[in-house]
N, C-alpha and C. Protein backbone atom coordinates (compact mmCIF):
# COMPACT_ATOMS: atom_id res chain seq x y z
N MET A 1 -6.57 2.56 26.18
CA MET A 1 -7.76 2.82 25.36
C MET A 1 -8.44 1.49 25.04
N THR A 2 -9.74 1.44 25.18
CA THR A 2 -10.49 0.23 24.90
C THR A 2 -11.28 0.40 23.61
N GLY A 3 -11.85 -0.71 23.15
CA GLY A 3 -12.67 -0.65 21.96
C GLY A 3 -11.89 -0.57 20.67
N ARG A 4 -10.60 -0.89 20.70
CA ARG A 4 -9.79 -0.86 19.49
C ARG A 4 -10.21 -1.96 18.53
N LYS A 5 -10.13 -1.69 17.25
CA LYS A 5 -10.57 -2.64 16.23
C LYS A 5 -9.40 -3.07 15.36
N THR A 6 -9.55 -4.25 14.74
CA THR A 6 -8.54 -4.70 13.81
C THR A 6 -8.67 -3.93 12.49
N ALA A 7 -7.63 -4.01 11.66
CA ALA A 7 -7.68 -3.35 10.36
C ALA A 7 -8.86 -3.86 9.54
N ALA A 8 -9.11 -5.16 9.58
CA ALA A 8 -10.22 -5.72 8.81
C ALA A 8 -11.55 -5.14 9.28
N GLU A 9 -11.73 -5.03 10.60
CA GLU A 9 -12.98 -4.48 11.13
C GLU A 9 -13.15 -3.01 10.76
N VAL A 10 -12.08 -2.26 10.86
CA VAL A 10 -12.14 -0.83 10.55
C VAL A 10 -12.50 -0.61 9.09
N PHE A 11 -11.81 -1.30 8.19
CA PHE A 11 -12.05 -1.04 6.77
C PHE A 11 -13.30 -1.72 6.25
N ASP A 12 -13.78 -2.76 6.92
CA ASP A 12 -15.11 -3.29 6.61
C ASP A 12 -16.15 -2.21 6.88
N ALA A 13 -15.97 -1.49 8.00
CA ALA A 13 -16.92 -0.45 8.38
C ALA A 13 -16.81 0.80 7.51
N LEU A 14 -15.59 1.17 7.17
CA LEU A 14 -15.40 2.38 6.37
C LEU A 14 -15.80 2.20 4.92
N ALA A 15 -15.41 1.07 4.34
CA ALA A 15 -15.71 0.74 2.94
C ALA A 15 -15.50 1.97 2.04
N GLY A 16 -16.53 2.40 1.34
CA GLY A 16 -16.39 3.47 0.36
C GLY A 16 -16.04 4.82 0.94
N ARG A 17 -16.28 5.05 2.24
CA ARG A 17 -15.94 6.34 2.85
C ARG A 17 -14.43 6.59 2.81
N TYR A 18 -13.65 5.51 2.88
CA TYR A 18 -12.20 5.68 2.83
C TYR A 18 -11.79 6.26 1.47
N GLU A 19 -12.42 5.78 0.41
CA GLU A 19 -12.09 6.30 -0.92
C GLU A 19 -12.45 7.77 -1.04
N GLU A 20 -13.54 8.20 -0.38
CA GLU A 20 -13.91 9.61 -0.41
C GLU A 20 -12.81 10.49 0.16
N ALA A 21 -12.18 10.01 1.23
CA ALA A 21 -11.16 10.80 1.91
C ALA A 21 -9.77 10.64 1.30
N PHE A 22 -9.46 9.44 0.80
CA PHE A 22 -8.09 9.15 0.39
C PHE A 22 -7.98 8.62 -1.04
N GLY A 23 -9.02 8.78 -1.84
CA GLY A 23 -8.99 8.23 -3.19
C GLY A 23 -8.40 9.14 -4.23
N ALA A 24 -8.01 10.35 -3.84
CA ALA A 24 -7.48 11.30 -4.83
C ALA A 24 -6.25 12.00 -4.29
N ILE A 25 -5.32 11.25 -3.73
CA ILE A 25 -4.08 11.82 -3.21
C ILE A 25 -3.18 12.17 -4.39
N PRO A 26 -2.85 13.44 -4.60
CA PRO A 26 -2.05 13.82 -5.77
C PRO A 26 -0.73 13.06 -5.87
N ALA A 27 -0.02 12.89 -4.77
CA ALA A 27 1.28 12.21 -4.81
C ALA A 27 1.12 10.74 -5.17
N GLN A 28 -0.01 10.13 -4.79
CA GLN A 28 -0.24 8.74 -5.16
C GLN A 28 -0.49 8.62 -6.66
N ARG A 29 -1.27 9.53 -7.20
CA ARG A 29 -1.51 9.50 -8.64
C ARG A 29 -0.23 9.78 -9.43
N GLU A 30 0.62 10.65 -8.90
CA GLU A 30 1.92 10.90 -9.54
C GLU A 30 2.79 9.64 -9.50
N ALA A 31 2.75 8.93 -8.37
CA ALA A 31 3.53 7.69 -8.25
C ALA A 31 3.04 6.65 -9.24
N LEU A 32 1.73 6.58 -9.43
CA LEU A 32 1.18 5.61 -10.38
C LEU A 32 1.53 5.99 -11.82
N GLU A 33 1.52 7.28 -12.10
CA GLU A 33 1.93 7.73 -13.45
C GLU A 33 3.40 7.37 -13.69
N TRP A 34 4.23 7.59 -12.67
CA TRP A 34 5.65 7.26 -12.75
C TRP A 34 5.82 5.77 -13.02
N LEU A 35 5.05 4.94 -12.30
CA LEU A 35 5.19 3.49 -12.42
C LEU A 35 4.67 2.98 -13.76
N THR A 36 3.49 3.41 -14.17
CA THR A 36 2.93 2.90 -15.43
C THR A 36 3.78 3.32 -16.63
N GLY A 37 4.52 4.42 -16.49
CA GLY A 37 5.40 4.83 -17.56
C GLY A 37 6.61 3.93 -17.72
N ARG A 38 6.83 3.04 -16.75
CA ARG A 38 7.99 2.16 -16.78
C ARG A 38 7.64 0.69 -16.96
N LEU A 39 6.35 0.37 -16.96
CA LEU A 39 5.93 -1.03 -17.05
C LEU A 39 5.40 -1.35 -18.44
N PRO A 40 5.75 -2.52 -18.99
CA PRO A 40 5.19 -2.93 -20.28
C PRO A 40 3.78 -3.47 -20.09
N ARG A 41 3.01 -3.51 -21.15
CA ARG A 41 1.69 -4.14 -21.09
C ARG A 41 1.87 -5.60 -20.69
N GLY A 42 0.97 -6.06 -19.87
CA GLY A 42 1.05 -7.44 -19.39
C GLY A 42 1.90 -7.61 -18.16
N ALA A 43 2.51 -6.53 -17.64
CA ALA A 43 3.34 -6.62 -16.45
C ALA A 43 2.52 -7.14 -15.27
N ARG A 44 3.13 -8.03 -14.48
CA ARG A 44 2.46 -8.57 -13.30
C ARG A 44 2.68 -7.64 -12.12
N VAL A 45 1.57 -7.17 -11.55
CA VAL A 45 1.65 -6.19 -10.46
C VAL A 45 0.83 -6.68 -9.28
N LEU A 46 1.39 -6.55 -8.08
CA LEU A 46 0.68 -6.85 -6.84
C LEU A 46 0.36 -5.54 -6.13
N ASP A 47 -0.91 -5.33 -5.81
CA ASP A 47 -1.37 -4.15 -5.08
C ASP A 47 -1.69 -4.59 -3.66
N VAL A 48 -0.82 -4.26 -2.71
CA VAL A 48 -0.99 -4.65 -1.31
C VAL A 48 -1.83 -3.60 -0.60
N GLY A 49 -2.92 -4.05 0.04
CA GLY A 49 -3.85 -3.11 0.65
C GLY A 49 -4.64 -2.40 -0.42
N SER A 50 -5.25 -3.19 -1.30
CA SER A 50 -5.87 -2.66 -2.52
C SER A 50 -7.15 -1.87 -2.28
N GLY A 51 -7.75 -1.97 -1.11
CA GLY A 51 -8.93 -1.16 -0.80
C GLY A 51 -10.05 -1.36 -1.79
N THR A 52 -10.63 -0.25 -2.25
CA THR A 52 -11.74 -0.32 -3.20
C THR A 52 -11.27 -0.58 -4.63
N GLY A 53 -9.94 -0.67 -4.80
CA GLY A 53 -9.40 -0.86 -6.14
C GLY A 53 -9.06 0.42 -6.86
N ARG A 54 -9.48 1.54 -6.28
CA ARG A 54 -9.24 2.84 -6.89
C ARG A 54 -8.44 3.73 -5.95
N PRO A 55 -7.41 4.39 -6.46
CA PRO A 55 -7.05 4.50 -7.87
C PRO A 55 -6.02 3.47 -8.37
N THR A 56 -5.39 2.73 -7.45
CA THR A 56 -4.20 1.97 -7.85
C THR A 56 -4.49 0.87 -8.86
N ALA A 57 -5.28 -0.13 -8.46
CA ALA A 57 -5.54 -1.26 -9.36
C ALA A 57 -6.21 -0.79 -10.65
N GLU A 58 -7.13 0.17 -10.54
CA GLU A 58 -7.83 0.68 -11.72
C GLU A 58 -6.85 1.31 -12.70
N THR A 59 -5.93 2.14 -12.21
CA THR A 59 -4.95 2.80 -13.07
C THR A 59 -4.04 1.79 -13.74
N LEU A 60 -3.56 0.82 -12.97
CA LEU A 60 -2.65 -0.19 -13.51
C LEU A 60 -3.34 -1.10 -14.52
N ALA A 61 -4.59 -1.49 -14.23
CA ALA A 61 -5.33 -2.35 -15.16
C ALA A 61 -5.59 -1.62 -16.47
N ARG A 62 -5.91 -0.34 -16.40
CA ARG A 62 -6.15 0.44 -17.61
C ARG A 62 -4.88 0.57 -18.45
N ALA A 63 -3.72 0.50 -17.77
CA ALA A 63 -2.45 0.58 -18.48
C ALA A 63 -2.05 -0.77 -19.08
N GLY A 64 -2.90 -1.78 -18.91
CA GLY A 64 -2.64 -3.09 -19.50
C GLY A 64 -1.89 -4.06 -18.61
N CYS A 65 -1.76 -3.73 -17.32
CA CYS A 65 -1.07 -4.63 -16.40
C CYS A 65 -2.00 -5.74 -15.91
N ALA A 66 -1.40 -6.87 -15.54
CA ALA A 66 -2.14 -7.97 -14.92
C ALA A 66 -2.05 -7.76 -13.41
N VAL A 67 -3.13 -7.26 -12.82
CA VAL A 67 -3.09 -6.79 -11.44
C VAL A 67 -3.77 -7.78 -10.50
N THR A 68 -3.07 -8.08 -9.39
CA THR A 68 -3.65 -8.82 -8.28
C THR A 68 -3.66 -7.89 -7.07
N GLY A 69 -4.83 -7.73 -6.45
CA GLY A 69 -4.95 -6.91 -5.26
C GLY A 69 -5.26 -7.77 -4.05
N ILE A 70 -4.61 -7.47 -2.93
CA ILE A 70 -4.92 -8.17 -1.68
C ILE A 70 -5.28 -7.14 -0.61
N ASP A 71 -6.24 -7.50 0.22
CA ASP A 71 -6.68 -6.62 1.30
C ASP A 71 -7.25 -7.47 2.43
N VAL A 72 -7.09 -7.01 3.67
CA VAL A 72 -7.61 -7.77 4.81
C VAL A 72 -9.12 -7.63 4.95
N SER A 73 -9.69 -6.62 4.33
CA SER A 73 -11.12 -6.33 4.47
C SER A 73 -11.97 -7.02 3.40
N ALA A 74 -12.89 -7.85 3.83
CA ALA A 74 -13.79 -8.52 2.89
C ALA A 74 -14.67 -7.51 2.16
N GLU A 75 -15.10 -6.46 2.87
CA GLU A 75 -15.94 -5.44 2.23
C GLU A 75 -15.18 -4.69 1.15
N MET A 76 -13.93 -4.37 1.43
CA MET A 76 -13.11 -3.69 0.42
C MET A 76 -12.90 -4.58 -0.81
N VAL A 77 -12.63 -5.84 -0.57
CA VAL A 77 -12.43 -6.77 -1.69
C VAL A 77 -13.69 -6.86 -2.55
N ALA A 78 -14.84 -6.92 -1.90
CA ALA A 78 -16.10 -6.99 -2.64
C ALA A 78 -16.32 -5.73 -3.48
N LEU A 79 -16.03 -4.55 -2.90
CA LEU A 79 -16.16 -3.31 -3.65
C LEU A 79 -15.20 -3.28 -4.84
N ALA A 80 -13.95 -3.70 -4.59
CA ALA A 80 -12.94 -3.67 -5.65
C ALA A 80 -13.34 -4.56 -6.82
N ARG A 81 -13.86 -5.73 -6.52
CA ARG A 81 -14.26 -6.64 -7.60
C ARG A 81 -15.35 -6.02 -8.46
N THR A 82 -16.20 -5.20 -7.86
CA THR A 82 -17.27 -4.54 -8.61
C THR A 82 -16.74 -3.35 -9.40
N ARG A 83 -15.86 -2.57 -8.76
CA ARG A 83 -15.41 -1.32 -9.37
C ARG A 83 -14.28 -1.51 -10.38
N VAL A 84 -13.48 -2.55 -10.20
CA VAL A 84 -12.35 -2.77 -11.11
C VAL A 84 -12.38 -4.22 -11.60
N PRO A 85 -13.31 -4.53 -12.50
CA PRO A 85 -13.42 -5.91 -12.97
C PRO A 85 -12.21 -6.40 -13.77
N GLY A 86 -11.36 -5.47 -14.19
CA GLY A 86 -10.19 -5.84 -14.97
C GLY A 86 -9.02 -6.33 -14.14
N ALA A 87 -9.17 -6.36 -12.81
CA ALA A 87 -8.12 -6.86 -11.93
C ALA A 87 -8.68 -8.01 -11.08
N ARG A 88 -7.78 -8.72 -10.44
CA ARG A 88 -8.15 -9.84 -9.57
C ARG A 88 -7.89 -9.45 -8.11
N PHE A 89 -8.86 -9.74 -7.24
CA PHE A 89 -8.74 -9.36 -5.84
C PHE A 89 -9.01 -10.55 -4.92
N GLU A 90 -8.28 -10.59 -3.81
CA GLU A 90 -8.53 -11.62 -2.81
C GLU A 90 -8.30 -11.06 -1.42
N GLN A 91 -9.02 -11.64 -0.46
CA GLN A 91 -8.84 -11.24 0.92
C GLN A 91 -7.61 -11.95 1.48
N ALA A 92 -6.62 -11.17 1.86
CA ALA A 92 -5.36 -11.73 2.36
C ALA A 92 -4.61 -10.67 3.14
N ASP A 93 -3.73 -11.12 4.02
CA ASP A 93 -2.92 -10.26 4.88
C ASP A 93 -1.47 -10.33 4.41
N VAL A 94 -0.84 -9.18 4.17
CA VAL A 94 0.54 -9.16 3.69
C VAL A 94 1.48 -9.92 4.61
N ARG A 95 1.14 -10.01 5.89
CA ARG A 95 2.00 -10.69 6.85
C ARG A 95 2.03 -12.19 6.67
N THR A 96 1.00 -12.74 6.00
CA THR A 96 0.92 -14.20 5.84
C THR A 96 0.71 -14.62 4.39
N TYR A 97 0.51 -13.68 3.50
CA TYR A 97 0.24 -13.97 2.09
C TYR A 97 1.44 -14.66 1.43
N THR A 98 1.15 -15.66 0.62
CA THR A 98 2.18 -16.33 -0.17
C THR A 98 1.80 -16.20 -1.65
N PRO A 99 2.52 -15.40 -2.41
CA PRO A 99 2.17 -15.23 -3.83
C PRO A 99 2.37 -16.53 -4.59
N PRO A 100 1.55 -16.77 -5.61
CA PRO A 100 1.75 -17.94 -6.47
C PRO A 100 3.15 -17.92 -7.07
N GLY A 101 3.85 -19.00 -6.93
CA GLY A 101 5.21 -19.06 -7.46
C GLY A 101 6.22 -18.32 -6.63
N GLY A 102 5.80 -17.80 -5.47
CA GLY A 102 6.72 -17.12 -4.57
C GLY A 102 6.96 -15.66 -4.88
N GLY A 103 6.31 -15.13 -5.90
CA GLY A 103 6.48 -13.71 -6.22
C GLY A 103 6.84 -13.50 -7.66
N GLY A 104 7.93 -12.79 -7.91
CA GLY A 104 8.34 -12.51 -9.28
C GLY A 104 7.48 -11.46 -9.95
N PHE A 105 6.98 -10.48 -9.17
CA PHE A 105 6.15 -9.42 -9.75
C PHE A 105 7.02 -8.35 -10.41
N ASP A 106 6.52 -7.80 -11.50
CA ASP A 106 7.21 -6.69 -12.15
C ASP A 106 7.09 -5.42 -11.32
N ALA A 107 6.08 -5.36 -10.47
CA ALA A 107 5.95 -4.24 -9.54
C ALA A 107 5.09 -4.67 -8.35
N VAL A 108 5.44 -4.15 -7.21
CA VAL A 108 4.64 -4.31 -5.99
C VAL A 108 4.32 -2.91 -5.49
N CYS A 109 3.03 -2.64 -5.30
CA CYS A 109 2.57 -1.35 -4.77
C CYS A 109 2.02 -1.55 -3.37
N ALA A 110 2.33 -0.62 -2.48
CA ALA A 110 1.80 -0.71 -1.12
C ALA A 110 1.53 0.70 -0.63
N PHE A 111 0.33 1.18 -0.90
CA PHE A 111 -0.05 2.52 -0.49
C PHE A 111 -0.80 2.47 0.83
N PHE A 112 -0.08 2.67 1.94
CA PHE A 112 -0.61 2.81 3.29
C PHE A 112 -1.20 1.55 3.92
N PRO A 113 -0.73 0.33 3.60
CA PRO A 113 -1.35 -0.85 4.22
C PRO A 113 -0.66 -1.33 5.50
N LEU A 114 0.46 -0.71 5.89
CA LEU A 114 1.27 -1.28 6.97
C LEU A 114 1.09 -0.58 8.31
N LEU A 115 0.21 0.38 8.41
CA LEU A 115 0.12 1.19 9.61
C LEU A 115 -0.49 0.47 10.81
N MET A 116 -1.48 -0.37 10.57
CA MET A 116 -2.19 -0.99 11.69
C MET A 116 -1.57 -2.34 12.07
N MET A 117 -0.29 -2.29 12.38
CA MET A 117 0.48 -3.44 12.87
C MET A 117 1.60 -2.88 13.73
N ASP A 118 2.40 -3.74 14.36
CA ASP A 118 3.49 -3.19 15.17
C ASP A 118 4.73 -2.97 14.31
N GLN A 119 5.74 -2.29 14.89
CA GLN A 119 6.92 -1.92 14.12
C GLN A 119 7.65 -3.13 13.55
N ALA A 120 7.74 -4.20 14.33
CA ALA A 120 8.42 -5.40 13.85
C ALA A 120 7.70 -5.97 12.62
N GLU A 121 6.36 -5.91 12.62
CA GLU A 121 5.59 -6.41 11.48
C GLU A 121 5.73 -5.49 10.28
N VAL A 122 5.83 -4.19 10.53
CA VAL A 122 6.07 -3.25 9.43
C VAL A 122 7.38 -3.59 8.73
N ALA A 123 8.44 -3.77 9.53
CA ALA A 123 9.75 -4.08 8.96
C ALA A 123 9.73 -5.41 8.21
N ALA A 124 9.10 -6.42 8.80
CA ALA A 124 9.04 -7.73 8.16
C ALA A 124 8.22 -7.68 6.88
N SER A 125 7.15 -6.90 6.87
CA SER A 125 6.32 -6.78 5.67
C SER A 125 7.07 -6.09 4.54
N LEU A 126 7.87 -5.09 4.88
CA LEU A 126 8.71 -4.45 3.86
C LEU A 126 9.65 -5.46 3.22
N GLU A 127 10.27 -6.29 4.04
CA GLU A 127 11.19 -7.31 3.52
C GLU A 127 10.46 -8.32 2.65
N ARG A 128 9.25 -8.72 3.07
CA ARG A 128 8.47 -9.68 2.29
C ARG A 128 8.13 -9.09 0.92
N MET A 129 7.65 -7.85 0.89
CA MET A 129 7.26 -7.24 -0.38
C MET A 129 8.47 -7.05 -1.30
N ALA A 130 9.60 -6.67 -0.71
CA ALA A 130 10.81 -6.54 -1.51
C ALA A 130 11.20 -7.88 -2.14
N SER A 131 11.02 -8.96 -1.39
CA SER A 131 11.40 -10.29 -1.89
C SER A 131 10.50 -10.75 -3.03
N TRP A 132 9.32 -10.16 -3.15
CA TRP A 132 8.39 -10.54 -4.22
C TRP A 132 8.65 -9.76 -5.51
N THR A 133 9.57 -8.81 -5.46
CA THR A 133 9.86 -7.96 -6.62
C THR A 133 10.92 -8.62 -7.49
N ALA A 134 10.59 -8.87 -8.74
CA ALA A 134 11.50 -9.55 -9.67
C ALA A 134 12.69 -8.65 -10.02
N PRO A 135 13.80 -9.23 -10.48
CA PRO A 135 14.91 -8.42 -10.99
C PRO A 135 14.42 -7.45 -12.07
N GLY A 136 14.78 -6.20 -11.90
CA GLY A 136 14.31 -5.17 -12.82
C GLY A 136 12.94 -4.62 -12.44
N GLY A 137 12.31 -5.21 -11.44
CA GLY A 137 10.98 -4.78 -11.01
C GLY A 137 11.02 -3.67 -9.99
N TYR A 138 9.84 -3.09 -9.73
CA TYR A 138 9.73 -1.91 -8.89
C TYR A 138 8.92 -2.18 -7.62
N LEU A 139 9.31 -1.51 -6.55
CA LEU A 139 8.54 -1.47 -5.31
C LEU A 139 8.21 -0.01 -5.04
N VAL A 140 6.92 0.30 -4.94
CA VAL A 140 6.48 1.65 -4.64
C VAL A 140 5.63 1.60 -3.38
N VAL A 141 6.08 2.28 -2.34
CA VAL A 141 5.38 2.24 -1.06
C VAL A 141 5.06 3.64 -0.58
N ALA A 142 4.00 3.75 0.21
CA ALA A 142 3.65 5.01 0.85
C ALA A 142 3.14 4.72 2.26
N THR A 143 3.43 5.63 3.16
CA THR A 143 3.01 5.46 4.55
C THR A 143 2.97 6.81 5.23
N VAL A 144 2.52 6.83 6.47
CA VAL A 144 2.66 7.98 7.35
C VAL A 144 3.92 7.72 8.18
N PRO A 145 5.02 8.42 7.91
CA PRO A 145 6.28 8.08 8.56
C PRO A 145 6.35 8.58 10.00
N GLY A 146 7.18 7.92 10.79
CA GLY A 146 7.40 8.34 12.17
C GLY A 146 7.90 7.19 13.01
N ASP A 147 8.53 7.52 14.11
CA ASP A 147 9.03 6.50 15.02
C ASP A 147 8.02 6.30 16.14
N PHE A 148 6.97 5.51 15.84
CA PHE A 148 5.96 5.23 16.87
C PHE A 148 5.52 3.77 16.75
N ASP A 149 5.27 3.16 17.90
CA ASP A 149 4.95 1.74 17.96
C ASP A 149 3.75 1.53 18.88
N ALA A 150 2.68 0.91 18.34
CA ALA A 150 1.46 0.63 19.11
C ALA A 150 0.88 1.91 19.72
N LEU A 151 0.73 2.92 18.87
CA LEU A 151 0.15 4.19 19.29
C LEU A 151 -1.36 4.15 19.10
N ASP A 152 -2.10 4.47 20.13
CA ASP A 152 -3.57 4.47 20.06
C ASP A 152 -4.06 5.82 19.55
N ILE A 153 -4.85 5.78 18.49
CA ILE A 153 -5.41 7.01 17.92
C ILE A 153 -6.86 6.77 17.51
N GLU A 154 -7.54 7.85 17.12
CA GLU A 154 -8.86 7.73 16.51
C GLU A 154 -8.71 8.07 15.04
N PHE A 155 -9.24 7.21 14.18
CA PHE A 155 -9.13 7.39 12.74
C PHE A 155 -10.50 7.24 12.11
N MET A 156 -11.02 8.32 11.57
CA MET A 156 -12.32 8.33 10.90
C MET A 156 -13.39 7.68 11.78
N GLY A 157 -13.37 8.03 13.09
CA GLY A 157 -14.40 7.57 14.01
C GLY A 157 -14.14 6.22 14.64
N HIS A 158 -12.97 5.64 14.40
CA HIS A 158 -12.64 4.32 14.95
C HIS A 158 -11.37 4.40 15.78
N ARG A 159 -11.35 3.69 16.88
CA ARG A 159 -10.16 3.59 17.71
C ARG A 159 -9.25 2.51 17.13
N VAL A 160 -8.03 2.90 16.81
CA VAL A 160 -7.10 1.97 16.20
C VAL A 160 -5.73 2.11 16.85
N THR A 161 -4.89 1.10 16.65
CA THR A 161 -3.51 1.13 17.13
C THR A 161 -2.60 1.10 15.92
N VAL A 162 -1.70 2.07 15.84
CA VAL A 162 -0.87 2.23 14.65
C VAL A 162 0.61 2.26 15.00
N SER A 163 1.43 1.90 14.01
CA SER A 163 2.88 1.94 14.15
C SER A 163 3.49 2.34 12.82
N SER A 164 4.71 2.87 12.88
CA SER A 164 5.41 3.18 11.65
C SER A 164 6.91 3.28 11.92
N LEU A 165 7.64 3.54 10.86
CA LEU A 165 9.07 3.77 10.90
C LEU A 165 9.35 5.14 10.31
N THR A 166 10.48 5.72 10.68
CA THR A 166 10.84 7.01 10.09
C THR A 166 11.11 6.85 8.60
N ALA A 167 11.11 7.97 7.89
CA ALA A 167 11.42 7.94 6.46
C ALA A 167 12.81 7.37 6.23
N GLU A 168 13.75 7.75 7.07
CA GLU A 168 15.12 7.25 6.94
C GLU A 168 15.19 5.74 7.14
N GLU A 169 14.41 5.24 8.08
CA GLU A 169 14.42 3.80 8.34
C GLU A 169 13.74 3.03 7.21
N TYR A 170 12.70 3.60 6.64
CA TYR A 170 12.08 2.96 5.46
C TYR A 170 13.10 2.80 4.35
N VAL A 171 13.81 3.88 4.05
CA VAL A 171 14.81 3.84 2.98
C VAL A 171 15.90 2.83 3.31
N ARG A 172 16.37 2.84 4.55
CA ARG A 172 17.44 1.93 4.95
C ARG A 172 17.02 0.48 4.80
N ARG A 173 15.81 0.16 5.23
CA ARG A 173 15.36 -1.23 5.18
C ARG A 173 15.10 -1.70 3.75
N ILE A 174 14.59 -0.83 2.91
CA ILE A 174 14.38 -1.20 1.51
C ILE A 174 15.71 -1.46 0.83
N GLU A 175 16.70 -0.63 1.11
CA GLU A 175 18.02 -0.84 0.54
C GLU A 175 18.66 -2.12 1.09
N ALA A 176 18.45 -2.39 2.39
CA ALA A 176 19.00 -3.60 2.99
C ALA A 176 18.38 -4.86 2.38
N ALA A 177 17.16 -4.73 1.82
CA ALA A 177 16.49 -5.86 1.17
C ALA A 177 16.97 -6.07 -0.26
N GLY A 178 17.96 -5.28 -0.69
CA GLY A 178 18.55 -5.50 -2.01
C GLY A 178 18.01 -4.63 -3.11
N LEU A 179 17.19 -3.64 -2.79
CA LEU A 179 16.63 -2.76 -3.80
C LEU A 179 17.37 -1.42 -3.80
N GLU A 180 17.34 -0.77 -4.94
CA GLU A 180 17.91 0.56 -5.07
C GLU A 180 16.79 1.58 -4.95
N VAL A 181 16.89 2.47 -3.98
CA VAL A 181 15.89 3.53 -3.81
C VAL A 181 16.17 4.61 -4.84
N LEU A 182 15.21 4.82 -5.73
CA LEU A 182 15.38 5.77 -6.84
C LEU A 182 14.97 7.18 -6.45
N ARG A 183 13.95 7.27 -5.60
CA ARG A 183 13.48 8.58 -5.15
C ARG A 183 12.60 8.39 -3.93
N HIS A 184 12.56 9.40 -3.09
CA HIS A 184 11.61 9.40 -1.98
C HIS A 184 11.30 10.83 -1.60
N GLU A 185 10.09 11.06 -1.15
CA GLU A 185 9.67 12.40 -0.76
C GLU A 185 8.59 12.32 0.31
N THR A 186 8.52 13.39 1.10
CA THR A 186 7.50 13.48 2.14
C THR A 186 6.65 14.71 1.85
N VAL A 187 5.32 14.51 1.81
CA VAL A 187 4.40 15.60 1.48
C VAL A 187 3.26 15.62 2.48
N LEU A 188 2.63 16.77 2.64
CA LEU A 188 1.48 16.90 3.54
C LEU A 188 0.21 16.75 2.73
N TYR A 189 -0.71 15.92 3.23
CA TYR A 189 -1.98 15.68 2.54
C TYR A 189 -3.15 16.07 3.43
N HIS A 190 -4.13 16.75 2.85
CA HIS A 190 -5.35 17.14 3.54
C HIS A 190 -6.50 16.30 2.98
N PRO A 191 -6.99 15.29 3.72
CA PRO A 191 -8.08 14.44 3.22
C PRO A 191 -9.31 15.26 2.82
N ALA A 192 -9.97 14.81 1.77
CA ALA A 192 -11.12 15.53 1.23
C ALA A 192 -12.24 15.64 2.25
N GLY A 193 -12.91 16.79 2.25
CA GLY A 193 -14.10 16.97 3.07
C GLY A 193 -13.88 16.97 4.56
N GLY A 194 -12.63 17.07 5.00
CA GLY A 194 -12.37 17.04 6.43
C GLY A 194 -12.72 15.72 7.10
N LEU A 195 -12.75 14.63 6.30
CA LEU A 195 -13.13 13.33 6.85
C LEU A 195 -12.05 12.74 7.76
N ALA A 196 -10.84 13.24 7.66
CA ALA A 196 -9.75 12.82 8.54
C ALA A 196 -8.79 13.99 8.66
N ALA A 197 -7.91 13.93 9.67
CA ALA A 197 -6.98 15.02 9.91
C ALA A 197 -5.87 15.04 8.86
N PRO A 198 -5.29 16.21 8.57
CA PRO A 198 -4.14 16.27 7.66
C PRO A 198 -3.02 15.38 8.18
N GLU A 199 -2.27 14.78 7.26
CA GLU A 199 -1.18 13.89 7.67
C GLU A 199 -0.03 13.95 6.68
N GLU A 200 1.16 13.64 7.20
CA GLU A 200 2.36 13.61 6.38
C GLU A 200 2.47 12.26 5.70
N HIS A 201 2.79 12.25 4.42
CA HIS A 201 2.91 11.01 3.66
C HIS A 201 4.32 10.87 3.10
N LEU A 202 4.89 9.69 3.25
CA LEU A 202 6.15 9.34 2.63
C LEU A 202 5.87 8.47 1.41
N PHE A 203 6.45 8.84 0.27
CA PHE A 203 6.39 8.02 -0.95
C PHE A 203 7.82 7.61 -1.30
N CYS A 204 8.00 6.31 -1.53
CA CYS A 204 9.33 5.79 -1.83
C CYS A 204 9.25 4.87 -3.05
N HIS A 205 10.12 5.12 -4.04
CA HIS A 205 10.18 4.35 -5.27
C HIS A 205 11.50 3.60 -5.31
N ALA A 206 11.45 2.29 -5.52
CA ALA A 206 12.68 1.50 -5.53
C ALA A 206 12.63 0.48 -6.65
N ARG A 207 13.80 -0.04 -7.00
CA ARG A 207 13.91 -1.03 -8.08
C ARG A 207 14.91 -2.10 -7.69
N ARG A 208 14.59 -3.35 -8.01
CA ARG A 208 15.55 -4.42 -7.79
C ARG A 208 16.48 -4.50 -9.01
N PRO A 209 17.78 -4.36 -8.78
CA PRO A 209 18.72 -4.41 -9.91
C PRO A 209 18.66 -5.75 -10.65
N VAL A 210 18.95 -5.70 -11.92
CA VAL A 210 19.05 -6.92 -12.71
C VAL A 210 20.42 -7.54 -12.45
N ALA A 211 20.44 -8.81 -12.07
CA ALA A 211 21.71 -9.45 -11.74
C ALA A 211 22.60 -9.56 -12.96
């Protein structure tokens, strides 16, 4: 397949349309409610693949968290800065990002940012995000699970190459990174307005034990 685009190019083009289709995922809002119920005001949170800032960064900022969002798309970062002024956003790639001080976040959220890379990068990114989670802190991730690597598909009118790991492999790798998986579930989501095809979503909640 030709004409494939990078994640930055795709999400620069989609911008606010992505929020129309994926901005109200019930399981994501439940995950955020679960997380905010466990974080104190002022908790440091990293939102990986922050998109337009909604709902993740917006929900966390309203709960009194100090939120940093990173995204590969300059257009998404610009939208997020406008829509969620209570959080901080920067254009960055999870594969190369270096958090100030090396991490130590009270929570790291990653709702669907790892799909447009290869399987080895997915696994490495999971390990990186886990390493940024402070003792007692939480890692909450979501993805489209499956054992596929460099699969060419069409997504919201764009040709993209995607990869993922099975739900079991996600859990195994998070545990191997030293975190305790507290819960995980797989649910079917139907994007609003038929803007994208229905897809299966894995949500996984984990915590780094206090030494």
